[in-house]
């Protein structure tokens, strides 16, 4: 069975990828990175942002977007972009799902967006703001998709130590 995944297409900033890795580890979501990367996954900045969760992360690397598409088969893909016409909460996220985000400086290439425009979604924001931080975007959309599915396998309640 295929896993839910956050897919980063040519990520550039190691701290963003580290933060996303931590979110993926906390939710049991695979992290897929598509080269070229703007850093090495062994870089201190990536590891520091991911804290001590790297051993709990399922990480896959692909050399190209085409390689990823071939390997991921028929999984439902959602492309997140400021150029999308629909908001991320205007769709359903059947499991398994892959949430695809572009690089920090340019987003997902327009050729990819055009080929998948029916599956493109955006996070609403003020028109004068260019974009949100990549790791924040991944967390917002991932948690919406997981919420729609009842937060499968996730601990939903905490306890006070004195209770």
N, C-alpha and C. Protein backbone atom coordinates (compact mmCIF):
# COMPACT_ATOMS: atom_id res chain seq x y z
N UNK A 1 0.84 -1.19 0.00
CA UNK A 1 0.00 0.00 0.00
C UNK A 1 0.88 1.24 0.00
N UNK A 2 0.49 2.22 -0.76
CA UNK A 2 1.24 3.46 -0.85
C UNK A 2 0.94 4.36 0.35
N UNK A 3 1.92 5.15 0.74
CA UNK A 3 1.77 6.06 1.87
C UNK A 3 1.32 7.44 1.41
N UNK A 4 0.73 8.18 2.35
CA UNK A 4 0.55 9.61 2.14
C UNK A 4 1.94 10.21 2.09
N UNK A 5 2.09 11.30 1.33
CA UNK A 5 3.42 11.91 1.21
C UNK A 5 3.33 13.41 1.00
N UNK A 6 4.35 14.09 1.47
CA UNK A 6 4.63 15.47 1.09
C UNK A 6 5.77 15.38 0.10
N UNK A 7 5.58 15.98 -1.07
CA UNK A 7 6.57 15.93 -2.14
C UNK A 7 7.12 17.34 -2.34
N UNK A 8 8.43 17.47 -2.23
CA UNK A 8 9.08 18.76 -2.44
C UNK A 8 9.85 18.71 -3.75
N UNK A 9 9.43 19.52 -4.69
CA UNK A 9 10.04 19.58 -6.02
C UNK A 9 11.15 20.62 -6.01
N UNK A 10 12.39 20.14 -6.00
CA UNK A 10 13.59 20.98 -6.04
C UNK A 10 13.67 21.98 -4.87
N UNK A 11 13.53 21.50 -3.63
CA UNK A 11 13.60 22.42 -2.49
C UNK A 11 14.98 23.07 -2.39
N UNK A 12 15.00 24.30 -1.89
CA UNK A 12 16.25 25.09 -1.86
C UNK A 12 16.76 25.40 -0.46
N UNK A 13 15.88 25.47 0.52
CA UNK A 13 16.27 25.95 1.84
C UNK A 13 16.27 24.78 2.83
N UNK A 14 17.44 24.44 3.37
CA UNK A 14 17.52 23.26 4.23
C UNK A 14 16.64 23.33 5.48
N UNK A 15 16.50 24.50 6.07
CA UNK A 15 15.68 24.61 7.28
C UNK A 15 14.21 24.30 6.99
N UNK A 16 13.70 24.73 5.83
CA UNK A 16 12.32 24.40 5.46
C UNK A 16 12.14 22.90 5.32
N UNK A 17 13.07 22.26 4.64
CA UNK A 17 12.98 20.81 4.46
C UNK A 17 13.08 20.10 5.80
N UNK A 18 13.95 20.58 6.68
CA UNK A 18 14.05 19.98 8.01
C UNK A 18 12.77 20.12 8.80
N UNK A 19 12.14 21.30 8.75
CA UNK A 19 10.86 21.49 9.44
C UNK A 19 9.78 20.58 8.87
N UNK A 20 9.74 20.46 7.56
CA UNK A 20 8.75 19.59 6.91
C UNK A 20 9.03 18.13 7.27
N UNK A 21 10.29 17.76 7.34
CA UNK A 21 10.65 16.39 7.74
C UNK A 21 10.12 16.09 9.14
N UNK A 22 10.24 17.05 10.04
CA UNK A 22 9.74 16.86 11.41
C UNK A 22 8.22 16.68 11.40
N UNK A 23 7.51 17.49 10.62
CA UNK A 23 6.06 17.36 10.51
C UNK A 23 5.69 16.01 9.92
N UNK A 24 6.42 15.58 8.91
CA UNK A 24 6.16 14.27 8.30
C UNK A 24 6.39 13.15 9.31
N UNK A 25 7.47 13.23 10.05
CA UNK A 25 7.75 12.20 11.06
C UNK A 25 6.65 12.15 12.11
N UNK A 26 6.15 13.31 12.52
CA UNK A 26 5.11 13.38 13.56
C UNK A 26 3.77 12.85 13.09
N UNK A 27 3.57 12.81 11.78
CA UNK A 27 2.28 12.38 11.24
C UNK A 27 2.34 11.05 10.50
N UNK A 28 3.52 10.44 10.43
CA UNK A 28 3.66 9.19 9.70
C UNK A 28 3.53 9.37 8.20
N UNK A 29 3.89 10.56 7.72
CA UNK A 29 3.79 10.90 6.31
C UNK A 29 5.17 10.79 5.65
N UNK A 30 5.23 10.16 4.52
CA UNK A 30 6.50 10.05 3.79
C UNK A 30 6.91 11.43 3.27
N UNK A 31 8.21 11.69 3.25
CA UNK A 31 8.76 12.90 2.62
C UNK A 31 9.49 12.47 1.36
N UNK A 32 9.07 13.05 0.25
CA UNK A 32 9.70 12.76 -1.04
C UNK A 32 10.39 14.03 -1.53
N UNK A 33 11.67 13.92 -1.83
CA UNK A 33 12.44 15.04 -2.36
C UNK A 33 12.83 14.75 -3.80
N UNK A 34 12.61 15.74 -4.66
CA UNK A 34 12.94 15.58 -6.07
C UNK A 34 14.09 16.52 -6.41
N UNK A 35 15.16 15.95 -6.92
CA UNK A 35 16.37 16.71 -7.26
C UNK A 35 16.14 17.60 -8.48
N UNK A 36 16.97 18.66 -8.60
CA UNK A 36 18.11 18.99 -7.74
C UNK A 36 17.68 19.63 -6.43
N UNK A 37 18.45 19.36 -5.38
CA UNK A 37 18.23 19.95 -4.08
C UNK A 37 19.20 21.11 -3.89
N UNK A 38 18.81 22.11 -3.14
CA UNK A 38 19.68 23.24 -2.88
C UNK A 38 20.59 23.00 -1.69
N UNK A 39 20.73 21.75 -1.27
CA UNK A 39 21.48 21.38 -0.08
C UNK A 39 21.67 19.87 -0.08
N UNK A 40 22.45 19.38 0.86
CA UNK A 40 22.60 17.95 1.07
C UNK A 40 21.70 17.54 2.23
N UNK A 41 21.05 16.39 2.15
CA UNK A 41 20.18 15.97 3.24
C UNK A 41 20.98 15.68 4.50
N UNK A 42 22.28 15.58 4.40
CA UNK A 42 23.12 15.38 5.56
C UNK A 42 23.56 16.69 6.20
N UNK A 43 23.20 17.83 5.59
CA UNK A 43 23.61 19.14 6.10
C UNK A 43 23.11 19.38 7.51
N UNK A 44 23.93 20.04 8.30
CA UNK A 44 23.60 20.32 9.69
C UNK A 44 22.29 21.10 9.83
N UNK A 45 22.05 22.07 8.96
CA UNK A 45 20.83 22.89 9.05
C UNK A 45 19.57 22.05 8.86
N UNK A 46 19.62 21.07 7.96
CA UNK A 46 18.46 20.20 7.74
C UNK A 46 18.24 19.32 8.96
N UNK A 47 19.30 18.72 9.43
CA UNK A 47 19.21 17.82 10.59
C UNK A 47 18.77 18.57 11.84
N UNK A 48 19.29 19.77 12.04
CA UNK A 48 18.94 20.56 13.23
C UNK A 48 17.44 20.88 13.22
N UNK A 49 16.91 21.30 12.08
CA UNK A 49 15.48 21.63 11.99
C UNK A 49 14.61 20.40 12.20
N UNK A 50 15.08 19.24 11.80
CA UNK A 50 14.32 18.01 11.98
C UNK A 50 14.50 17.38 13.35
N UNK A 51 15.37 17.97 14.17
CA UNK A 51 15.69 17.49 15.51
C UNK A 51 16.08 16.02 15.47
N UNK A 52 15.61 15.26 16.43
CA UNK A 52 16.01 13.86 16.53
C UNK A 52 14.96 12.92 15.93
N UNK A 53 14.23 13.39 14.93
CA UNK A 53 13.16 12.59 14.34
C UNK A 53 13.56 11.91 13.03
N UNK A 54 14.80 12.07 12.60
CA UNK A 54 15.20 11.53 11.30
C UNK A 54 15.03 10.01 11.22
N UNK A 55 15.24 9.33 12.33
CA UNK A 55 15.10 7.87 12.31
C UNK A 55 13.64 7.43 12.22
N UNK A 56 12.71 8.35 12.42
CA UNK A 56 11.28 8.05 12.34
C UNK A 56 10.67 8.49 11.01
N UNK A 57 11.49 9.04 10.15
CA UNK A 57 11.04 9.59 8.87
C UNK A 57 11.22 8.58 7.74
N UNK A 58 10.20 8.46 6.90
CA UNK A 58 10.35 7.71 5.65
C UNK A 58 10.70 8.74 4.58
N UNK A 59 11.91 8.66 4.05
CA UNK A 59 12.42 9.62 3.09
C UNK A 59 12.74 8.92 1.79
N UNK A 60 12.26 9.50 0.68
CA UNK A 60 12.57 8.99 -0.66
C UNK A 60 13.12 10.13 -1.49
N UNK A 61 14.08 9.82 -2.34
CA UNK A 61 14.69 10.80 -3.24
C UNK A 61 14.53 10.34 -4.68
N UNK A 62 14.20 11.29 -5.56
CA UNK A 62 14.08 11.00 -6.99
C UNK A 62 14.94 12.00 -7.75
N UNK A 63 15.48 11.54 -8.87
CA UNK A 63 16.34 12.40 -9.69
C UNK A 63 15.56 13.40 -10.54
N UNK A 64 14.28 13.12 -10.80
CA UNK A 64 13.49 14.03 -11.63
C UNK A 64 12.01 13.87 -11.30
N UNK A 65 11.23 14.85 -11.72
CA UNK A 65 9.78 14.79 -11.54
C UNK A 65 9.21 13.60 -12.31
N UNK A 66 9.72 13.35 -13.52
CA UNK A 66 9.25 12.21 -14.32
C UNK A 66 9.51 10.89 -13.60
N UNK A 67 10.69 10.76 -12.96
CA UNK A 67 10.99 9.54 -12.21
C UNK A 67 9.98 9.35 -11.08
N UNK A 68 9.68 10.44 -10.38
CA UNK A 68 8.69 10.39 -9.29
C UNK A 68 7.32 9.96 -9.82
N UNK A 69 6.87 10.56 -10.92
CA UNK A 69 5.56 10.24 -11.50
C UNK A 69 5.49 8.76 -11.85
N UNK A 70 6.53 8.24 -12.49
CA UNK A 70 6.54 6.81 -12.86
C UNK A 70 6.48 5.93 -11.60
N UNK A 71 7.22 6.27 -10.57
CA UNK A 71 7.29 5.43 -9.37
C UNK A 71 6.04 5.52 -8.51
N UNK A 72 5.35 6.65 -8.55
CA UNK A 72 4.21 6.83 -7.64
C UNK A 72 2.90 6.31 -8.21
N UNK A 73 2.89 5.89 -9.46
CA UNK A 73 1.72 5.26 -10.04
C UNK A 73 0.47 6.12 -10.00
N UNK A 74 -0.65 5.51 -9.61
CA UNK A 74 -1.94 6.18 -9.67
C UNK A 74 -2.37 6.89 -8.40
N UNK A 75 -1.43 7.19 -7.51
CA UNK A 75 -1.80 7.89 -6.28
C UNK A 75 -2.43 9.24 -6.62
N UNK A 76 -3.36 9.70 -5.79
CA UNK A 76 -3.99 11.01 -6.02
C UNK A 76 -3.00 12.11 -5.62
N UNK A 77 -2.72 12.99 -6.55
CA UNK A 77 -1.76 14.08 -6.34
C UNK A 77 -2.48 15.41 -6.27
N UNK A 78 -2.01 16.27 -5.36
CA UNK A 78 -2.52 17.62 -5.20
C UNK A 78 -1.34 18.57 -5.31
N UNK A 79 -1.45 19.54 -6.19
CA UNK A 79 -0.38 20.49 -6.45
C UNK A 79 -0.73 21.81 -5.77
N UNK A 80 0.16 22.31 -4.92
CA UNK A 80 -0.10 23.52 -4.17
C UNK A 80 0.67 24.67 -4.79
N UNK A 81 -0.08 25.73 -5.13
CA UNK A 81 0.52 26.85 -5.84
C UNK A 81 -0.29 28.12 -5.62
N UNK A 82 0.39 29.25 -5.58
CA UNK A 82 -0.30 30.53 -5.51
C UNK A 82 -1.05 30.83 -6.82
N UNK A 83 -0.77 30.05 -7.87
CA UNK A 83 -1.40 30.28 -9.17
C UNK A 83 -2.67 29.47 -9.36
N UNK A 84 -3.05 28.70 -8.35
CA UNK A 84 -4.25 27.86 -8.45
C UNK A 84 -5.51 28.69 -8.26
N UNK A 85 -6.61 28.23 -8.82
CA UNK A 85 -7.88 28.95 -8.74
C UNK A 85 -8.71 28.53 -7.52
N UNK A 86 -8.46 27.33 -6.97
CA UNK A 86 -9.28 26.81 -5.88
C UNK A 86 -8.46 26.74 -4.59
N UNK A 87 -9.13 26.88 -3.45
CA UNK A 87 -8.48 26.79 -2.15
C UNK A 87 -8.30 25.33 -1.73
N UNK A 88 -7.29 25.08 -0.93
CA UNK A 88 -6.95 23.73 -0.49
C UNK A 88 -8.08 23.04 0.28
N UNK A 89 -8.99 23.80 0.87
CA UNK A 89 -10.09 23.19 1.61
C UNK A 89 -11.33 22.97 0.74
N UNK A 90 -11.21 23.18 -0.56
CA UNK A 90 -12.32 22.97 -1.49
C UNK A 90 -12.22 21.62 -2.20
N UNK A 91 -11.51 20.69 -1.60
CA UNK A 91 -11.39 19.36 -2.20
C UNK A 91 -11.36 18.33 -1.09
N UNK A 92 -11.50 17.07 -1.47
CA UNK A 92 -11.38 15.95 -0.54
C UNK A 92 -10.04 15.27 -0.80
N UNK A 93 -9.46 14.76 0.25
CA UNK A 93 -8.15 14.11 0.16
C UNK A 93 -8.28 12.62 0.47
N UNK A 94 -8.59 11.81 -0.56
CA UNK A 94 -8.69 10.37 -0.32
C UNK A 94 -7.30 9.79 -0.06
N UNK A 95 -7.24 8.80 0.80
CA UNK A 95 -5.94 8.18 1.08
C UNK A 95 -5.66 7.09 0.07
N UNK A 96 -4.44 6.91 -0.35
CA UNK A 96 -3.30 7.75 -0.05
C UNK A 96 -3.28 8.99 -0.93
N UNK A 97 -2.67 10.05 -0.42
CA UNK A 97 -2.55 11.29 -1.18
C UNK A 97 -1.11 11.77 -1.16
N UNK A 98 -0.76 12.51 -2.20
CA UNK A 98 0.55 13.16 -2.26
C UNK A 98 0.32 14.66 -2.44
N UNK A 99 0.92 15.44 -1.57
CA UNK A 99 0.84 16.91 -1.63
C UNK A 99 2.15 17.42 -2.21
N UNK A 100 2.07 18.08 -3.36
CA UNK A 100 3.27 18.49 -4.08
C UNK A 100 3.46 19.99 -3.96
N UNK A 101 4.67 20.37 -3.53
CA UNK A 101 5.04 21.77 -3.35
C UNK A 101 6.29 22.06 -4.18
N UNK A 102 6.36 23.26 -4.74
CA UNK A 102 7.51 23.65 -5.54
C UNK A 102 8.60 24.31 -4.72
N UNK A 103 9.68 24.64 -5.39
CA UNK A 103 10.80 25.27 -4.70
C UNK A 103 10.45 26.66 -4.22
N UNK A 104 11.15 27.09 -3.19
CA UNK A 104 10.83 28.34 -2.52
C UNK A 104 10.90 29.56 -3.43
N UNK A 105 11.82 29.62 -4.35
CA UNK A 105 12.01 30.81 -5.17
C UNK A 105 11.06 30.92 -6.36
N UNK A 106 10.50 29.79 -6.81
CA UNK A 106 9.71 29.84 -8.05
C UNK A 106 8.45 28.99 -8.02
N UNK A 107 8.26 28.17 -7.01
CA UNK A 107 7.09 27.30 -6.98
C UNK A 107 7.19 26.14 -7.96
N UNK A 108 6.05 25.58 -8.29
CA UNK A 108 5.98 24.48 -9.25
C UNK A 108 6.03 25.08 -10.65
N UNK A 109 6.82 24.50 -11.57
CA UNK A 109 6.88 25.04 -12.93
C UNK A 109 5.49 25.11 -13.58
N UNK A 110 5.25 26.17 -14.36
CA UNK A 110 3.94 26.36 -14.99
C UNK A 110 3.57 25.20 -15.91
N UNK A 111 4.56 24.57 -16.54
CA UNK A 111 4.25 23.43 -17.41
C UNK A 111 3.62 22.29 -16.61
N UNK A 112 4.09 22.07 -15.39
CA UNK A 112 3.51 21.04 -14.53
C UNK A 112 2.12 21.47 -14.06
N UNK A 113 1.99 22.73 -13.67
CA UNK A 113 0.68 23.23 -13.22
C UNK A 113 -0.36 23.10 -14.33
N UNK A 114 0.01 23.48 -15.55
CA UNK A 114 -0.94 23.39 -16.67
C UNK A 114 -1.37 21.95 -16.93
N UNK A 115 -0.45 21.02 -16.80
CA UNK A 115 -0.75 19.61 -17.05
C UNK A 115 -1.66 19.01 -15.98
N UNK A 116 -1.70 19.64 -14.80
CA UNK A 116 -2.46 19.10 -13.67
C UNK A 116 -3.37 20.16 -13.04
N UNK A 117 -3.81 21.13 -13.83
CA UNK A 117 -4.48 22.30 -13.25
C UNK A 117 -5.75 21.97 -12.46
N UNK A 118 -6.44 20.92 -12.82
CA UNK A 118 -7.63 20.51 -12.08
C UNK A 118 -7.32 20.03 -10.67
N UNK A 119 -6.06 19.70 -10.43
CA UNK A 119 -5.62 19.22 -9.11
C UNK A 119 -4.71 20.24 -8.42
N UNK A 120 -4.83 21.52 -8.80
CA UNK A 120 -4.03 22.58 -8.19
C UNK A 120 -4.87 23.35 -7.18
N UNK A 121 -4.25 23.64 -6.04
CA UNK A 121 -4.95 24.32 -4.96
C UNK A 121 -4.02 25.35 -4.33
N UNK A 122 -4.62 26.33 -3.67
CA UNK A 122 -3.85 27.40 -3.05
C UNK A 122 -4.31 27.60 -1.62
N UNK A 123 -3.47 28.26 -0.84
CA UNK A 123 -3.84 28.69 0.50
C UNK A 123 -4.24 30.15 0.38
N UNK A 124 -5.46 30.50 0.78
CA UNK A 124 -5.90 31.90 0.66
C UNK A 124 -5.02 32.84 1.49
N UNK A 125 -4.74 34.01 0.93
CA UNK A 125 -3.97 35.04 1.62
C UNK A 125 -4.24 36.38 0.97
N UNK A 126 -3.79 37.44 1.59
CA UNK A 126 -3.99 38.77 1.02
C UNK A 126 -3.31 38.88 -0.34
N UNK A 127 -3.90 39.62 -1.27
CA UNK A 127 -3.35 39.68 -2.63
C UNK A 127 -1.96 40.33 -2.72
N UNK A 128 -1.62 41.20 -1.79
CA UNK A 128 -0.32 41.87 -1.87
C UNK A 128 0.82 41.02 -1.29
N UNK A 129 0.51 39.84 -0.77
CA UNK A 129 1.52 38.93 -0.23
C UNK A 129 1.86 37.90 -1.30
N UNK A 130 3.13 37.76 -1.61
CA UNK A 130 3.57 36.87 -2.69
C UNK A 130 3.37 35.40 -2.33
N UNK A 131 3.78 35.02 -1.11
CA UNK A 131 3.65 33.60 -0.73
C UNK A 131 3.88 33.44 0.77
N UNK A 132 3.59 32.26 1.25
CA UNK A 132 3.85 31.88 2.63
C UNK A 132 5.12 31.03 2.68
N UNK A 133 5.65 30.83 3.87
CA UNK A 133 6.80 29.95 4.05
C UNK A 133 6.42 28.51 3.67
N UNK A 134 7.31 27.85 2.96
CA UNK A 134 7.05 26.50 2.46
C UNK A 134 6.70 25.52 3.57
N UNK A 135 7.43 25.54 4.67
CA UNK A 135 7.14 24.58 5.74
C UNK A 135 5.79 24.86 6.38
N UNK A 136 5.40 26.13 6.47
CA UNK A 136 4.06 26.44 6.99
C UNK A 136 2.98 25.93 6.04
N UNK A 137 3.19 26.12 4.75
CA UNK A 137 2.21 25.65 3.75
C UNK A 137 2.02 24.14 3.84
N UNK A 138 3.14 23.42 3.92
CA UNK A 138 3.05 21.96 3.99
C UNK A 138 2.28 21.53 5.23
N UNK A 139 2.52 22.17 6.36
CA UNK A 139 1.83 21.80 7.60
C UNK A 139 0.33 22.10 7.50
N UNK A 140 -0.03 23.27 6.98
CA UNK A 140 -1.44 23.66 6.88
C UNK A 140 -2.21 22.64 6.03
N UNK A 141 -1.70 22.35 4.86
CA UNK A 141 -2.43 21.47 3.93
C UNK A 141 -2.39 20.01 4.40
N UNK A 142 -1.25 19.56 4.91
CA UNK A 142 -1.16 18.18 5.40
C UNK A 142 -2.16 17.95 6.53
N UNK A 143 -2.23 18.86 7.47
CA UNK A 143 -3.16 18.66 8.59
C UNK A 143 -4.62 18.74 8.15
N UNK A 144 -4.93 19.53 7.13
CA UNK A 144 -6.31 19.52 6.61
C UNK A 144 -6.62 18.15 5.99
N UNK A 145 -5.69 17.62 5.20
CA UNK A 145 -5.92 16.31 4.58
C UNK A 145 -6.06 15.23 5.64
N UNK A 146 -5.23 15.27 6.67
CA UNK A 146 -5.33 14.29 7.75
C UNK A 146 -6.61 14.47 8.55
N UNK A 147 -7.03 15.72 8.79
CA UNK A 147 -8.27 15.99 9.51
C UNK A 147 -9.46 15.37 8.78
N UNK A 148 -9.48 15.56 7.45
CA UNK A 148 -10.58 15.00 6.66
C UNK A 148 -10.66 13.49 6.77
N UNK A 149 -9.53 12.85 7.06
CA UNK A 149 -9.49 11.40 7.17
C UNK A 149 -9.52 10.93 8.63
N UNK A 150 -9.84 11.83 9.56
CA UNK A 150 -9.97 11.45 10.97
C UNK A 150 -8.64 11.29 11.69
N UNK A 151 -7.59 11.92 11.20
CA UNK A 151 -6.24 11.81 11.80
C UNK A 151 -5.87 10.35 12.04
N UNK A 152 -5.84 9.54 10.99
CA UNK A 152 -5.59 8.11 11.16
C UNK A 152 -4.26 7.84 11.86
N UNK A 153 -4.31 6.98 12.86
CA UNK A 153 -3.14 6.50 13.61
C UNK A 153 -2.47 7.57 14.48
N UNK A 154 -3.01 8.78 14.53
CA UNK A 154 -2.39 9.84 15.32
C UNK A 154 -3.03 9.93 16.71
N UNK A 155 -2.22 10.22 17.68
CA UNK A 155 -2.72 10.43 19.04
C UNK A 155 -3.49 11.74 19.05
N UNK A 156 -4.75 11.69 19.49
CA UNK A 156 -5.61 12.86 19.42
C UNK A 156 -5.81 13.55 20.76
N UNK A 157 -5.33 12.96 21.84
CA UNK A 157 -5.51 13.60 23.14
C UNK A 157 -4.23 13.47 23.95
N UNK A 158 -4.00 14.47 24.79
CA UNK A 158 -2.85 14.45 25.67
C UNK A 158 -3.30 14.37 27.11
N UNK A 159 -2.36 14.21 28.01
CA UNK A 159 -2.67 14.14 29.43
C UNK A 159 -1.69 14.98 30.22
N UNK A 160 -2.20 15.66 31.21
CA UNK A 160 -1.34 16.40 32.14
C UNK A 160 -0.61 15.39 33.02
N UNK A 161 0.60 15.71 33.40
CA UNK A 161 1.38 14.76 34.21
C UNK A 161 0.78 14.57 35.60
N UNK A 162 0.08 15.56 36.12
CA UNK A 162 -0.51 15.46 37.47
C UNK A 162 -1.93 14.93 37.44
N UNK A 163 -2.48 14.64 36.29
CA UNK A 163 -3.88 14.22 36.20
C UNK A 163 -4.04 12.75 36.47
